[in-house]
PDB file of N, CA and C in Angstrom:
ATOM      1  N   MET A   1     -40.348  16.047 -75.942  1.00  0.00           N
ATOM      2  CA  MET A   1     -39.440  16.063 -74.730  1.00  0.00           C
ATOM      3  C   MET A   1     -38.109  15.026 -75.417  1.00  0.00           C
ATOM      4  N   ASN A   2     -37.026  15.717 -75.624  1.00  0.00           N
ATOM      5  CA  ASN A   2     -35.847  14.890 -75.996  1.00  0.00           C
ATOM      6  C   ASN A   2     -34.833  15.147 -74.909  1.00  0.00           C
ATOM      7  N   LEU A   3     -34.879  14.189 -73.833  1.00  0.00           N
ATOM      8  CA  LEU A   3     -33.931  14.374 -72.683  1.00  0.00           C
ATOM      9  C   LEU A   3     -32.561  13.823 -73.139  1.00  0.00           C
ATOM     10  N   ALA A   4     -31.468  14.228 -72.558  1.00  0.00           N
ATOM     11  CA  ALA A   4     -30.159  13.562 -72.607  1.00  0.00           C
ATOM     12  C   ALA A   4     -29.831  12.642 -71.343  1.00  0.00           C
ATOM     13  N   PRO A   5     -29.633  11.473 -71.750  1.00  0.00           N
ATOM     14  CA  PRO A   5     -29.484  10.530 -70.701  1.00  0.00           C
ATOM     15  C   PRO A   5     -28.252  11.036 -69.659  1.00  0.00           C
ATOM     16  N   GLY A   6     -28.757  10.820 -68.390  1.00  0.00           N
ATOM     17  CA  GLY A   6     -27.717  11.085 -67.416  1.00  0.00           C
ATOM     18  C   GLY A   6     -27.550   9.900 -66.609  1.00  0.00           C
ATOM     19  N   SER A   7     -27.000  10.025 -65.322  1.00  0.00           N
ATOM     20  CA  SER A   7     -26.715   8.797 -64.578  1.00  0.00           C
ATOM     21  C   SER A   7     -27.964   8.104 -64.081  1.00  0.00           C
ATOM     22  N   ARG A   8     -29.086   8.976 -64.087  1.00  0.00           N
ATOM     23  CA  ARG A   8     -30.432   8.413 -63.769  1.00  0.00           C
ATOM     24  C   ARG A   8     -31.210   7.890 -65.052  1.00  0.00           C
ATOM     25  N   PRO A   9     -31.506   6.611 -65.076  1.00  0.00           N
ATOM     26  CA  PRO A   9     -32.144   6.200 -66.437  1.00  0.00           C
ATOM     27  C   PRO A   9     -33.424   6.853 -66.925  1.00  0.00           C
ATOM     28  N   ILE A  10     -33.529   6.889 -68.188  1.00  0.00           N
ATOM     29  CA  ILE A  10     -34.806   7.343 -68.776  1.00  0.00           C
ATOM     30  C   ILE A  10     -35.675   5.936 -69.208  1.00  0.00           C
ATOM     31  N   HIS A  11     -36.738   5.829 -68.823  1.00  0.00           N
ATOM     32  CA  HIS A  11     -37.492   4.622 -69.136  1.00  0.00           C
ATOM     33  C   HIS A  11     -38.390   4.800 -70.214  1.00  0.00           C
ATOM     34  N   GLY A  12     -38.579   4.048 -70.962  1.00  0.00           N
ATOM     35  CA  GLY A  12     -39.600   3.961 -72.076  1.00  0.00           C
ATOM     36  C   GLY A  12     -40.307   2.633 -72.307  1.00  0.00           C
ATOM     37  N   ASP A  13     -41.134   2.547 -73.398  1.00  0.00           N
ATOM     38  CA  ASP A  13     -41.777   1.245 -73.697  1.00  0.00           C
ATOM     39  C   ASP A  13     -41.526   0.666 -75.081  1.00  0.00           C
ATOM     40  N   THR A  14     -40.924   1.605 -75.973  1.00  0.00           N
ATOM     41  CA  THR A  14     -40.516   1.307 -77.379  1.00  0.00           C
ATOM     42  C   THR A  14     -39.065   1.812 -77.696  1.00  0.00           C
ATOM     43  N   VAL A  15     -38.474   0.879 -78.443  1.00  0.00           N
ATOM     44  CA  VAL A  15     -37.158   1.365 -78.856  1.00  0.00           C
ATOM     45  C   VAL A  15     -37.114   1.021 -80.442  1.00  0.00           C
ATOM     46  N   ASP A  16     -36.774   2.097 -81.168  1.00  0.00           N
ATOM     47  CA  ASP A  16     -36.367   1.840 -82.449  1.00  0.00           C
ATOM     48  C   ASP A  16     -34.947   1.775 -82.622  1.00  0.00           C
ATOM     49  N   LEU A  17     -34.317   0.635 -83.013  1.00  0.00           N
ATOM     50  CA  LEU A  17     -32.737   0.304 -82.934  1.00  0.00           C
ATOM     51  C   LEU A  17     -32.574   0.232 -84.358  1.00  0.00           C
ATOM     52  N   GLY A  18     -31.549   0.997 -84.766  1.00  0.00           N
ATOM     53  CA  GLY A  18     -30.977   1.024 -86.085  1.00  0.00           C
ATOM     54  C   GLY A  18     -29.702   0.183 -86.152  1.00  0.00           C
ATOM     55  N   ILE A  19     -29.737  -0.777 -86.887  1.00  0.00           N
ATOM     56  CA  ILE A  19     -28.526  -1.779 -86.913  1.00  0.00           C
ATOM     57  C   ILE A  19     -28.138  -1.760 -88.472  1.00  0.00           C
ATOM     58  N   GLY A  20     -27.118  -1.037 -88.813  1.00  0.00           N
ATOM     59  CA  GLY A  20     -26.737  -0.918 -90.257  1.00  0.00           C
ATOM     60  C   GLY A  20     -27.777  -0.126 -90.975  1.00  0.00           C
ATOM     61  N   VAL A  21     -28.369  -0.782 -92.048  1.00  0.00           N
ATOM     62  CA  VAL A  21     -29.471  -0.103 -92.795  1.00  0.00           C
ATOM     63  C   VAL A  21     -30.924  -0.480 -92.169  1.00  0.00           C
ATOM     64  N   HIS A  22     -30.918  -1.437 -91.304  1.00  0.00           N
ATOM     65  CA  HIS A  22     -32.247  -1.918 -90.867  1.00  0.00           C
ATOM     66  C   HIS A  22     -32.583  -1.224 -89.527  1.00  0.00           C
ATOM     67  N   THR A  23     -33.892  -1.012 -89.335  1.00  0.00           N
ATOM     68  CA  THR A  23     -34.422  -0.588 -88.156  1.00  0.00           C
ATOM     69  C   THR A  23     -35.370  -1.648 -87.505  1.00  0.00           C
ATOM     70  N   VAL A  24     -35.216  -2.019 -86.176  1.00  0.00           N
ATOM     71  CA  VAL A  24     -35.911  -3.067 -85.575  1.00  0.00           C
ATOM     72  C   VAL A  24     -36.678  -2.261 -84.402  1.00  0.00           C
ATOM     73  N   THR A  25     -37.933  -2.546 -84.323  1.00  0.00           N
ATOM     74  CA  THR A  25     -38.767  -1.858 -83.279  1.00  0.00           C
ATOM     75  C   THR A  25     -39.008  -2.993 -82.069  1.00  0.00           C
ATOM     76  N   ILE A  26     -38.667  -2.432 -81.035  1.00  0.00           N
ATOM     77  CA  ILE A  26     -38.721  -3.521 -79.890  1.00  0.00           C
ATOM     78  C   ILE A  26     -39.677  -2.740 -78.820  1.00  0.00           C
ATOM     79  N   THR A  27     -40.745  -3.583 -78.466  1.00  0.00           N
ATOM     80  CA  THR A  27     -41.610  -3.156 -77.417  1.00  0.00           C
ATOM     81  C   THR A  27     -41.324  -3.782 -76.052  1.00  0.00           C
ATOM     82  N   GLY A  28     -41.591  -3.118 -75.098  1.00  0.00           N
ATOM     83  CA  GLY A  28     -41.477  -3.617 -73.726  1.00  0.00           C
ATOM     84  C   GLY A  28     -40.693  -2.677 -72.805  1.00  0.00           C
ATOM     85  N   PRO A  29     -40.466  -2.896 -71.563  1.00  0.00           N
ATOM     86  CA  PRO A  29     -39.683  -1.919 -70.960  1.00  0.00           C
ATOM     87  C   PRO A  29     -38.278  -1.988 -71.210  1.00  0.00           C
ATOM     88  N   ALA A  30     -37.800  -0.639 -71.359  1.00  0.00           N
ATOM     89  CA  ALA A  30     -36.442  -0.353 -71.928  1.00  0.00           C
ATOM     90  C   ALA A  30     -36.042   0.904 -71.158  1.00  0.00           C
ATOM     91  N   SER A  31     -34.760   1.058 -71.034  1.00  0.00           N
ATOM     92  CA  SER A  31     -34.162   2.312 -70.447  1.00  0.00           C
ATOM     93  C   SER A  31     -32.795   2.677 -70.968  1.00  0.00           C
ATOM     94  N   THR A  32     -32.470   3.803 -70.864  1.00  0.00           N
ATOM     95  CA  THR A  32     -31.237   4.297 -71.289  1.00  0.00           C
ATOM     96  C   THR A  32     -30.485   5.389 -70.144  1.00  0.00           C
ATOM     97  N   ARG A  33     -29.161   5.134 -70.090  1.00  0.00           N
ATOM     98  CA  ARG A  33     -28.574   6.028 -69.134  1.00  0.00           C
ATOM     99  C   ARG A  33     -27.194   6.323 -69.720  1.00  0.00           C
ATOM    100  N   SER A  34     -26.494   7.257 -69.021  1.00  0.00           N
ATOM    101  CA  SER A  34     -24.993   7.528 -69.216  1.00  0.00           C
ATOM    102  C   SER A  34     -24.175   6.814 -68.285  1.00  0.00           C
ATOM    103  N   ILE A  35     -23.157   6.133 -68.640  1.00  0.00           N
ATOM    104  CA  ILE A  35     -22.301   5.578 -67.658  1.00  0.00           C
ATOM    105  C   ILE A  35     -20.734   5.947 -67.847  1.00  0.00           C
ATOM    106  N   LEU A  36     -19.954   5.860 -66.968  1.00  0.00           N
ATOM    107  CA  LEU A  36     -18.612   6.156 -67.172  1.00  0.00           C
ATOM    108  C   LEU A  36     -17.822   4.723 -66.952  1.00  0.00           C
ATOM    109  N   ILE A  37     -16.887   4.405 -67.902  1.00  0.00           N
ATOM    110  CA  ILE A  37     -15.952   3.238 -67.891  1.00  0.00           C
ATOM    111  C   ILE A  37     -14.773   3.749 -68.042  1.00  0.00           C
ATOM    112  N   ASP A  38     -13.748   3.621 -67.132  1.00  0.00           N
ATOM    113  CA  ASP A  38     -12.432   4.016 -67.248  1.00  0.00           C
ATOM    114  C   ASP A  38     -12.348   5.652 -67.619  1.00  0.00           C
ATOM    115  N   GLY A  39     -13.236   6.353 -67.193  1.00  0.00           N
ATOM    116  CA  GLY A  39     -13.228   7.838 -67.420  1.00  0.00           C
ATOM    117  C   GLY A  39     -13.787   8.224 -68.646  1.00  0.00           C
ATOM    118  N   ARG A  40     -14.420   7.364 -69.423  1.00  0.00           N
ATOM    119  CA  ARG A  40     -14.918   7.604 -70.724  1.00  0.00           C
ATOM    120  C   ARG A  40     -16.455   7.474 -70.628  1.00  0.00           C
ATOM    121  N   GLY A  41     -17.303   8.371 -71.300  1.00  0.00           N
ATOM    122  CA  GLY A  41     -18.713   8.224 -71.192  1.00  0.00           C
ATOM    123  C   GLY A  41     -19.217   7.267 -72.331  1.00  0.00           C
ATOM    124  N   TYR A  42     -20.258   6.554 -71.830  1.00  0.00           N
ATOM    125  CA  TYR A  42     -20.822   5.560 -72.771  1.00  0.00           C
ATOM    126  C   TYR A  42     -22.425   5.723 -72.665  1.00  0.00           C
ATOM    127  N   ALA A  43     -23.056   5.308 -73.640  1.00  0.00           N
ATOM    128  CA  ALA A  43     -24.652   5.091 -73.417  1.00  0.00           C
ATOM    129  C   ALA A  43     -25.004   3.788 -73.237  1.00  0.00           C
ATOM    130  N   GLU A  44     -25.679   3.458 -72.156  1.00  0.00           N
ATOM    131  CA  GLU A  44     -26.158   2.232 -71.912  1.00  0.00           C
ATOM    132  C   GLU A  44     -27.591   1.951 -72.251  1.00  0.00           C
ATOM    133  N   LEU A  45     -27.930   1.094 -73.076  1.00  0.00           N
ATOM    134  CA  LEU A  45     -29.344   0.794 -73.374  1.00  0.00           C
ATOM    135  C   LEU A  45     -29.714  -0.730 -72.940  1.00  0.00           C
ATOM    136  N   VAL A  46     -30.734  -0.647 -72.248  1.00  0.00           N
ATOM    137  CA  VAL A  46     -31.288  -2.029 -71.759  1.00  0.00           C
ATOM    138  C   VAL A  46     -32.632  -2.282 -72.431  1.00  0.00           C
ATOM    139  N   LEU A  47     -32.610  -3.512 -73.047  1.00  0.00           N
ATOM    140  CA  LEU A  47     -33.694  -3.952 -73.822  1.00  0.00           C
ATOM    141  C   LEU A  47     -34.444  -5.143 -73.292  1.00  0.00           C
ATOM    142  N   PRO A  48     -35.573  -5.405 -73.497  1.00  0.00           N
ATOM    143  CA  PRO A  48     -36.236  -6.522 -72.856  1.00  0.00           C
ATOM    144  C   PRO A  48     -35.660  -7.800 -73.531  1.00  0.00           C
ATOM    145  N   ALA A  49     -35.523  -7.657 -74.762  1.00  0.00           N
ATOM    146  CA  ALA A  49     -35.170  -9.040 -75.548  1.00  0.00           C
ATOM    147  C   ALA A  49     -35.046  -8.577 -77.119  1.00  0.00           C
ATOM    148  N   LEU A  50     -34.047  -9.458 -77.803  1.00  0.00           N
ATOM    149  CA  LEU A  50     -34.110  -9.235 -79.196  1.00  0.00           C
ATOM    150  C   LEU A  50     -33.962 -10.680 -79.780  1.00  0.00           C
ATOM    151  N   THR A  51     -34.612 -10.857 -80.903  1.00  0.00           N
ATOM    152  CA  THR A  51     -34.596 -12.170 -81.487  1.00  0.00           C
ATOM    153  C   THR A  51     -33.179 -12.676 -81.808  1.00  0.00           C
ATOM    154  N   PRO A  52     -32.928 -13.908 -81.819  1.00  0.00           N
ATOM    155  CA  PRO A  52     -31.373 -14.149 -82.079  1.00  0.00           C
ATOM    156  C   PRO A  52     -30.807 -13.758 -83.333  1.00  0.00           C
ATOM    157  N   GLU A  53     -31.696 -13.525 -84.392  1.00  0.00           N
ATOM    158  CA  GLU A  53     -31.013 -12.954 -85.585  1.00  0.00           C
ATOM    159  C   GLU A  53     -30.620 -11.409 -85.288  1.00  0.00           C
ATOM    160  N   HIS A  54     -31.569 -10.726 -84.636  1.00  0.00           N
ATOM    161  CA  HIS A  54     -31.289  -9.366 -84.411  1.00  0.00           C
ATOM    162  C   HIS A  54     -30.083  -9.189 -83.540  1.00  0.00           C
ATOM    163  N   ARG A  55     -30.042  -9.947 -82.505  1.00  0.00           N
ATOM    164  CA  ARG A  55     -28.934  -9.884 -81.679  1.00  0.00           C
ATOM    165  C   ARG A  55     -27.479 -10.209 -82.378  1.00  0.00           C
ATOM    166  N   THR A  56     -27.538 -11.222 -83.089  1.00  0.00           N
ATOM    167  CA  THR A  56     -26.345 -11.538 -83.908  1.00  0.00           C
ATOM    168  C   THR A  56     -26.014 -10.349 -84.938  1.00  0.00           C
ATOM    169  N   ALA A  57     -27.084  -9.732 -85.429  1.00  0.00           N
ATOM    170  CA  ALA A  57     -26.673  -8.593 -86.410  1.00  0.00           C
ATOM    171  C   ALA A  57     -26.239  -7.514 -85.610  1.00  0.00           C
ATOM    172  N   LEU A  58     -26.612  -7.280 -84.438  1.00  0.00           N
ATOM    173  CA  LEU A  58     -26.146  -6.206 -83.587  1.00  0.00           C
ATOM    174  C   LEU A  58     -24.687  -6.602 -83.003  1.00  0.00           C
ATOM    175  N   GLU A  59     -24.542  -7.625 -82.648  1.00  0.00           N
ATOM    176  CA  GLU A  59     -23.042  -8.095 -82.217  1.00  0.00           C
ATOM    177  C   GLU A  59     -22.035  -7.989 -83.348  1.00  0.00           C
ATOM    178  N   LYS A  60     -22.431  -8.153 -84.595  1.00  0.00           N
ATOM    179  CA  LYS A  60     -21.497  -8.126 -85.768  1.00  0.00           C
ATOM    180  C   LYS A  60     -21.393  -6.663 -86.235  1.00  0.00           C
ATOM    181  N   THR A  61     -22.148  -5.657 -85.849  1.00  0.00           N
ATOM    182  CA  THR A  61     -22.136  -4.244 -86.380  1.00  0.00           C
ATOM    183  C   THR A  61     -21.132  -3.513 -85.629  1.00  0.00           C
ATOM    184  N   GLU A  62     -20.641  -2.542 -86.066  1.00  0.00           N
ATOM    185  CA  GLU A  62     -19.644  -1.702 -85.443  1.00  0.00           C
ATOM    186  C   GLU A  62     -20.571  -0.324 -85.032  1.00  0.00           C
ATOM    187  N   HIS A  63     -21.465   0.017 -85.621  1.00  0.00           N
ATOM    188  CA  HIS A  63     -22.293   1.232 -85.251  1.00  0.00           C
ATOM    189  C   HIS A  63     -23.764   0.951 -85.271  1.00  0.00           C
ATOM    190  N   TYR A  64     -24.540   1.628 -84.365  1.00  0.00           N
ATOM    191  CA  TYR A  64     -25.927   1.677 -84.196  1.00  0.00           C
ATOM    192  C   TYR A  64     -26.403   2.907 -83.640  1.00  0.00           C
ATOM    193  N   ALA A  65     -27.678   3.036 -83.679  1.00  0.00           N
ATOM    194  CA  ALA A  65     -28.344   4.248 -83.161  1.00  0.00           C
ATOM    195  C   ALA A  65     -29.638   3.689 -82.694  1.00  0.00           C
ATOM    196  N   TYR A  66     -30.361   4.595 -81.661  1.00  0.00           N
ATOM    197  CA  TYR A  66     -31.745   4.216 -81.256  1.00  0.00           C
ATOM    198  C   TYR A  66     -32.449   5.468 -80.944  1.00  0.00           C
ATOM    199  N   GLU A  67     -33.811   5.112 -80.793  1.00  0.00           N
ATOM    200  CA  GLU A  67     -34.711   6.142 -80.336  1.00  0.00           C
ATOM    201  C   GLU A  67     -35.429   5.542 -79.363  1.00  0.00           C
ATOM    202  N   LEU A  68     -35.788   6.300 -77.971  1.00  0.00           N
ATOM    203  CA  LEU A  68     -36.635   5.580 -77.051  1.00  0.00           C
ATOM    204  C   LEU A  68     -37.834   6.442 -76.731  1.00  0.00           C
ATOM    205  N   TYR A  69     -38.881   5.716 -77.037  1.00  0.00           N
ATOM    206  CA  TYR A  69     -40.268   6.327 -76.748  1.00  0.00           C
ATOM    207  C   TYR A  69     -40.990   5.870 -75.498  1.00  0.00           C
ATOM    208  N   ARG A  70     -41.917   6.776 -75.084  1.00  0.00           N
ATOM    209  CA  ARG A  70     -42.712   6.318 -74.015  1.00  0.00           C
ATOM    210  C   ARG A  70     -44.158   6.806 -74.477  1.00  0.00           C
ATOM    211  N   ASP A  71     -45.107   5.844 -74.514  1.00  0.00           N
ATOM    212  CA  ASP A  71     -46.534   6.267 -75.121  1.00  0.00           C
ATOM    213  C   ASP A  71     -46.396   7.000 -76.245  1.00  0.00           C
ATOM    214  N   GLY A  72     -45.720   6.664 -77.322  1.00  0.00           N
ATOM    215  CA  GLY A  72     -45.486   7.325 -78.401  1.00  0.00           C
ATOM    216  C   GLY A  72     -44.804   8.568 -78.672  1.00  0.00           C
ATOM    217  N   VAL A  73     -44.327   8.999 -77.333  1.00  0.00           N
ATOM    218  CA  VAL A  73     -43.531  10.316 -77.452  1.00  0.00           C
ATOM    219  C   VAL A  73     -41.947   9.966 -77.324  1.00  0.00           C
ATOM    220  N   LEU A  74     -41.331  10.639 -78.296  1.00  0.00           N
ATOM    221  CA  LEU A  74     -39.910  10.487 -78.298  1.00  0.00           C
ATOM    222  C   LEU A  74     -39.221  11.034 -77.001  1.00  0.00           C
ATOM    223  N   LEU A  75     -38.450  10.154 -76.398  1.00  0.00           N
ATOM    224  CA  LEU A  75     -37.813  10.631 -75.134  1.00  0.00           C
ATOM    225  C   LEU A  75     -36.221  10.946 -75.340  1.00  0.00           C
ATOM    226  N   TYR A  76     -35.637  10.137 -76.242  1.00  0.00           N
ATOM    227  CA  TYR A  76     -34.301  10.228 -76.546  1.00  0.00           C
ATOM    228  C   TYR A  76     -33.828   9.681 -77.826  1.00  0.00           C
ATOM    229  N   SER A  77     -33.200  10.515 -78.633  1.00  0.00           N
ATOM    230  CA  SER A  77     -32.520   9.952 -79.883  1.00  0.00           C
ATOM    231  C   SER A  77     -31.072   9.932 -79.806  1.00  0.00           C
ATOM    232  N   SER A  78     -30.398   8.815 -80.031  1.00  0.00           N
ATOM    233  CA  SER A  78     -28.982   8.800 -79.729  1.00  0.00           C
ATOM    234  C   SER A  78     -28.281   9.113 -81.123  1.00  0.00           C
ATOM    235  N   PRO A  79     -27.049   9.658 -80.835  1.00  0.00           N
ATOM    236  CA  PRO A  79     -26.384   9.840 -82.153  1.00  0.00           C
ATOM    237  C   PRO A  79     -25.909   8.464 -82.671  1.00  0.00           C
ATOM    238  N   GLU A  80     -25.087   8.315 -83.721  1.00  0.00           N
ATOM    239  CA  GLU A  80     -24.506   7.151 -84.022  1.00  0.00           C
ATOM    240  C   GLU A  80     -23.544   6.763 -83.105  1.00  0.00           C
ATOM    241  N   LEU A  81     -23.557   5.508 -82.540  1.00  0.00           N
ATOM    242  CA  LEU A  81     -22.804   5.015 -81.654  1.00  0.00           C
ATOM    243  C   LEU A  81     -21.867   3.831 -82.090  1.00  0.00           C
ATOM    244  N   THR A  82     -20.670   3.738 -81.551  1.00  0.00           N
ATOM    245  CA  THR A  82     -19.779   2.611 -81.763  1.00  0.00           C
ATOM    246  C   THR A  82     -19.925   1.598 -80.748  1.00  0.00           C
ATOM    247  N   LEU A  83     -20.270   0.324 -81.168  1.00  0.00           N
ATOM    248  CA  LEU A  83     -20.713  -0.716 -80.214  1.00  0.00           C
ATOM    249  C   LEU A  83     -19.478  -1.106 -79.359  1.00  0.00           C
ATOM    250  N   ARG A  84     -19.636  -1.094 -78.114  1.00  0.00           N
ATOM    251  CA  ARG A  84     -18.585  -1.533 -77.112  1.00  0.00           C
ATOM    252  C   ARG A  84     -18.760  -2.867 -76.655  1.00  0.00           C
ATOM    253  N   GLU A  85     -20.034  -3.286 -76.287  1.00  0.00           N
ATOM    254  CA  GLU A  85     -20.390  -4.597 -75.785  1.00  0.00           C
ATOM    255  C   GLU A  85     -21.944  -4.672 -75.874  1.00  0.00           C
ATOM    256  N   THR A  86     -22.158  -6.092 -75.792  1.00  0.00           N
ATOM    257  CA  THR A  86     -23.519  -6.602 -75.431  1.00  0.00           C
ATOM    258  C   THR A  86     -23.578  -7.606 -74.345  1.00  0.00           C
ATOM    259  N   ARG A  87     -24.314  -7.502 -73.389  1.00  0.00           N
ATOM    260  CA  ARG A  87     -24.281  -8.704 -72.417  1.00  0.00           C
ATOM    261  C   ARG A  87     -25.652  -8.843 -71.796  1.00  0.00           C
ATOM    262  N   GLN A  88     -25.955  -9.987 -71.315  1.00  0.00           N
ATOM    263  CA  GLN A  88     -27.143 -10.341 -70.824  1.00  0.00           C
ATOM    264  C   GLN A  88     -27.170 -10.064 -69.319  1.00  0.00           C
ATOM    265  N   SER A  89     -28.208  -9.378 -68.885  1.00  0.00           N
ATOM    266  CA  SER A  89     -28.411  -9.054 -67.311  1.00  0.00           C
ATOM    267  C   SER A  89     -29.689  -9.603 -67.015  1.00  0.00           C
ATOM    268  N   ASP A  90     -29.968  -9.560 -65.551  1.00  0.00           N
ATOM    269  CA  ASP A  90     -31.180  -9.807 -65.061  1.00  0.00           C
ATOM    270  C   ASP A  90     -32.535  -8.821 -65.667  1.00  0.00           C
ATOM    271  N   ASP A  91     -32.020  -7.698 -65.960  1.00  0.00           N
ATOM    272  CA  ASP A  91     -33.007  -6.784 -66.453  1.00  0.00           C
ATOM    273  C   ASP A  91     -33.240  -6.851 -68.030  1.00  0.00           C
ATOM    274  N   GLY A  92     -32.379  -7.687 -68.817  1.00  0.00           N
ATOM    275  CA  GLY A  92     -32.486  -7.735 -70.290  1.00  0.00           C
ATOM    276  C   GLY A  92     -31.198  -7.560 -70.907  1.00  0.00           C
ATOM    277  N   LEU A  93     -31.068  -7.372 -72.247  1.00  0.00           N
ATOM    278  CA  LEU A  93     -29.990  -7.252 -72.887  1.00  0.00           C
ATOM    279  C   LEU A  93     -29.445  -5.910 -72.789  1.00  0.00           C
ATOM    280  N   VAL A  94     -28.216  -5.654 -72.407  1.00  0.00           N
ATOM    281  CA  VAL A  94     -27.393  -4.461 -72.226  1.00  0.00           C
ATOM    282  C   VAL A  94     -26.633  -4.207 -73.254  1.00  0.00           C
ATOM    283  N   ILE A  95     -26.851  -3.047 -73.965  1.00  0.00           N
ATOM    284  CA  ILE A  95     -25.830  -2.654 -75.013  1.00  0.00           C
ATOM    285  C   ILE A  95     -25.198  -1.380 -74.659  1.00  0.00           C
ATOM    286  N   THR A  96     -23.862  -1.207 -74.835  1.00  0.00           N
ATOM    287  CA  THR A  96     -23.086  -0.159 -74.529  1.00  0.00           C
ATOM    288  C   THR A  96     -22.258   0.450 -75.812  1.00  0.00           C
ATOM    289  N   GLY A  97     -22.416   1.633 -75.857  1.00  0.00           N
ATOM    290  CA  GLY A  97     -21.775   2.267 -76.955  1.00  0.00           C
ATOM    291  C   GLY A  97     -21.350   3.721 -76.623  1.00  0.00           C
ATOM    292  N   ALA A  98     -20.392   4.235 -77.564  1.00  0.00           N
ATOM    293  CA  ALA A  98     -20.038   5.544 -77.521  1.00  0.00           C
ATOM    294  C   ALA A  98     -19.997   6.223 -78.738  1.00  0.00           C
ATOM    295  N   PRO A  99     -20.235   7.654 -78.854  1.00  0.00           N
ATOM    296  CA  PRO A  99     -20.344   8.275 -79.985  1.00  0.00           C
ATOM    297  C   PRO A  99     -18.847   8.349 -80.713  1.00  0.00           C
TER     298      PRO A  99
END
């Protein structure tokens, strides 16, 4: 199943986050959904946490991609996205980007 995120989040337990030429595997509750900001569509990814090194690498990159899994099953594979912002929320680290 490879769902396209809509306004309702897709929840998973593992994310493979591609930052530049590196892929980081993050385990824990994660979700993705589509959001609109000023009429433009963005993919929002919520992660439980990143190491300070990985967060710094993400914030310095222009492009990233990710795959969201639940119980080893791929739920969503993003296209390459241009990073718009990263921010901390009560739910974890929120990453927003657009194709």
